[in-house]
Amino acid sequence: MINKNKEVGGSHYSDMKIEPIELINALNLNFVHGCIVKYISRYKSKNGIEDLRKALHYCSMRGMHCCSDLYGVNAFALKCYFIINDISEEEQEIIVSALTGEFDKCGKLIEKLIDKQPC
């Protein structure tokens, strides 16, 4: 069970209707995929470019299994997470590319997002 009454270091997760950890658990994501979901979901409300760079770092890790089946329940849960937490189409594409093992694409999309951020 997620303790939504306590968060260490800010409110960047508790302000979300569905926290990244809830999606990570529901989809049984591995550590690397979970970190990408976490950093892309929170970068606007926590560490900005630093979180995007962390997500990019995890995209550079190879040999991790992917969630090739994003259809059915997984796709529905993911779409609900995106809609409820107002995740942009650009951010959605990053997360989906990571979950489907397209890490080169994921990295390029994160780099584009980094370039768009104010310094």
Protein backbone atom coordinates (compact mmCIF):
# COMPACT_ATOMS: atom_id res chain seq x y z
CA MET A 1 0.00 0.00 0.00
CA ILE A 2 1.25 3.49 -0.88
CA ASN A 3 1.45 5.98 1.99
CA LYS A 4 0.09 9.12 0.33
CA ASN A 5 0.09 10.99 3.64
CA LYS A 6 3.88 11.17 3.86
CA GLU A 7 6.42 12.21 1.25
CA VAL A 8 10.06 13.02 1.84
CA GLY A 9 11.51 15.99 -0.04
CA GLY A 10 8.43 17.77 -1.39
CA SER A 11 5.00 17.12 -2.82
CA HIS A 12 6.01 16.20 -6.38
CA TYR A 13 4.38 12.75 -6.05
CA SER A 14 1.54 13.39 -3.62
CA ASP A 15 0.26 16.15 -5.92
CA MET A 16 -0.29 13.48 -8.59
CA LYS A 17 -3.61 11.65 -8.63
CA ILE A 18 -1.77 8.41 -9.49
CA GLU A 19 1.81 8.24 -8.24
CA PRO A 20 4.50 6.72 -10.45
CA ILE A 21 5.07 3.90 -7.95
CA GLU A 22 1.44 2.85 -8.37
CA LEU A 23 1.89 2.50 -12.13
CA ILE A 24 5.27 0.81 -11.69
CA ASN A 25 3.73 -1.76 -9.35
CA ALA A 26 0.62 -2.28 -11.50
CA LEU A 27 2.71 -2.97 -14.61
CA ASN A 28 5.41 -4.88 -12.70
CA LEU A 29 8.11 -2.69 -14.25
CA ASN A 30 11.78 -3.35 -13.66
CA PHE A 31 14.08 -0.84 -11.96
CA VAL A 32 15.27 0.89 -15.14
CA HIS A 33 11.79 1.34 -16.59
CA GLY A 34 10.48 2.46 -13.20
CA CYS A 35 13.17 5.13 -12.94
CA ILE A 36 12.37 6.47 -16.41
CA VAL A 37 8.65 6.66 -15.55
CA LYS A 38 9.46 8.35 -12.23
CA TYR A 39 11.84 10.98 -13.62
CA ILE A 40 9.73 11.87 -16.68
CA SER A 41 6.61 12.11 -14.51
CA ARG A 42 8.12 14.44 -11.94
CA TYR A 43 10.70 16.61 -13.75
CA LYS A 44 8.38 19.64 -14.03
CA SER A 45 7.59 19.67 -10.32
CA LYS A 46 10.95 18.66 -8.85
CA ASN A 47 14.39 18.88 -10.46
CA GLY A 48 13.75 19.96 -14.06
CA ILE A 49 16.66 19.25 -16.40
CA GLU A 50 18.45 17.19 -13.73
CA ASP A 51 15.56 14.70 -13.68
CA LEU A 52 15.50 14.61 -17.49
CA ARG A 53 19.23 13.83 -17.49
CA LYS A 54 18.64 11.05 -14.96
CA ALA A 55 15.96 9.55 -17.24
CA LEU A 56 18.40 9.85 -20.15
CA HIS A 57 21.02 8.00 -18.11
CA TYR A 58 18.62 5.10 -17.57
CA CYS A 59 17.81 5.05 -21.30
CA SER A 60 21.50 4.41 -21.94
CA MET A 61 21.34 1.12 -20.04
CA ARG A 62 21.02 -1.81 -22.41
CA GLY A 63 20.01 -5.40 -22.02
CA MET A 64 17.00 -4.70 -19.85
CA HIS A 65 13.78 -6.58 -20.57
CA CYS A 66 10.92 -4.54 -21.95
CA CYS A 67 7.16 -4.58 -21.71
CA SER A 68 6.54 -5.62 -25.30
CA ASP A 69 2.88 -6.23 -24.51
CA LEU A 70 1.45 -2.76 -23.96
CA TYR A 71 -1.93 -3.89 -25.17
CA GLY A 72 -4.99 -4.70 -23.11
CA VAL A 73 -4.78 -4.01 -19.39
CA ASN A 74 -1.26 -2.57 -19.48
CA ALA A 75 -2.10 -0.09 -22.22
CA PHE A 76 -5.30 0.89 -20.44
CA ALA A 77 -3.49 1.43 -17.11
CA LEU A 78 -0.78 3.44 -18.85
CA LYS A 79 -3.31 5.61 -20.71
CA CYS A 80 -5.24 6.26 -17.48
CA TYR A 81 -1.99 7.28 -15.76
CA PHE A 82 -1.18 9.69 -18.61
CA ILE A 83 -4.63 11.28 -18.68
CA ILE A 84 -5.18 11.54 -14.94
CA ASN A 85 -1.72 13.03 -14.33
CA ASP A 86 -1.84 15.31 -17.40
CA ILE A 87 1.29 13.76 -18.93
CA SER A 88 1.99 15.51 -22.25
CA GLU A 89 2.04 13.61 -25.55
CA GLU A 90 5.79 14.21 -25.75
CA GLU A 91 6.31 12.74 -22.27
CA GLN A 92 3.99 9.83 -23.12
CA GLU A 93 6.07 9.01 -26.17
CA ILE A 94 9.22 8.96 -24.04
CA ILE A 95 7.71 6.57 -21.51
CA VAL A 96 6.20 4.26 -24.13
CA SER A 97 9.45 4.11 -26.11
CA ALA A 98 11.31 3.12 -22.93
CA LEU A 99 8.77 0.46 -22.00
CA THR A 100 8.89 -1.06 -25.48
CA GLY A 101 12.69 -1.21 -25.45
CA GLU A 102 13.27 1.60 -27.93
CA PHE A 103 16.00 3.17 -25.80
CA ASP A 104 17.73 5.02 -28.66
CA LYS A 105 14.43 6.71 -29.55
CA CYS A 106 13.75 7.34 -25.87
CA GLY A 107 17.13 9.02 -25.43
CA LYS A 108 16.66 11.24 -28.49
CA LEU A 109 13.23 12.32 -27.29
CA ILE A 110 14.60 13.19 -23.85
CA GLU A 111 17.45 15.16 -25.42
CA LYS A 112 14.89 17.17 -27.42
CA LEU A 113 12.93 17.82 -24.24
CA ILE A 114 16.10 18.95 -22.45
CA ASP A 115 16.85 21.37 -25.31
CA LYS A 116 13.39 22.94 -24.88
CA GLN A 117 13.90 23.66 -21.18
CA PRO A 118 14.84 27.15 -19.98
CA CYS A 119 18.40 27.32 -18.69
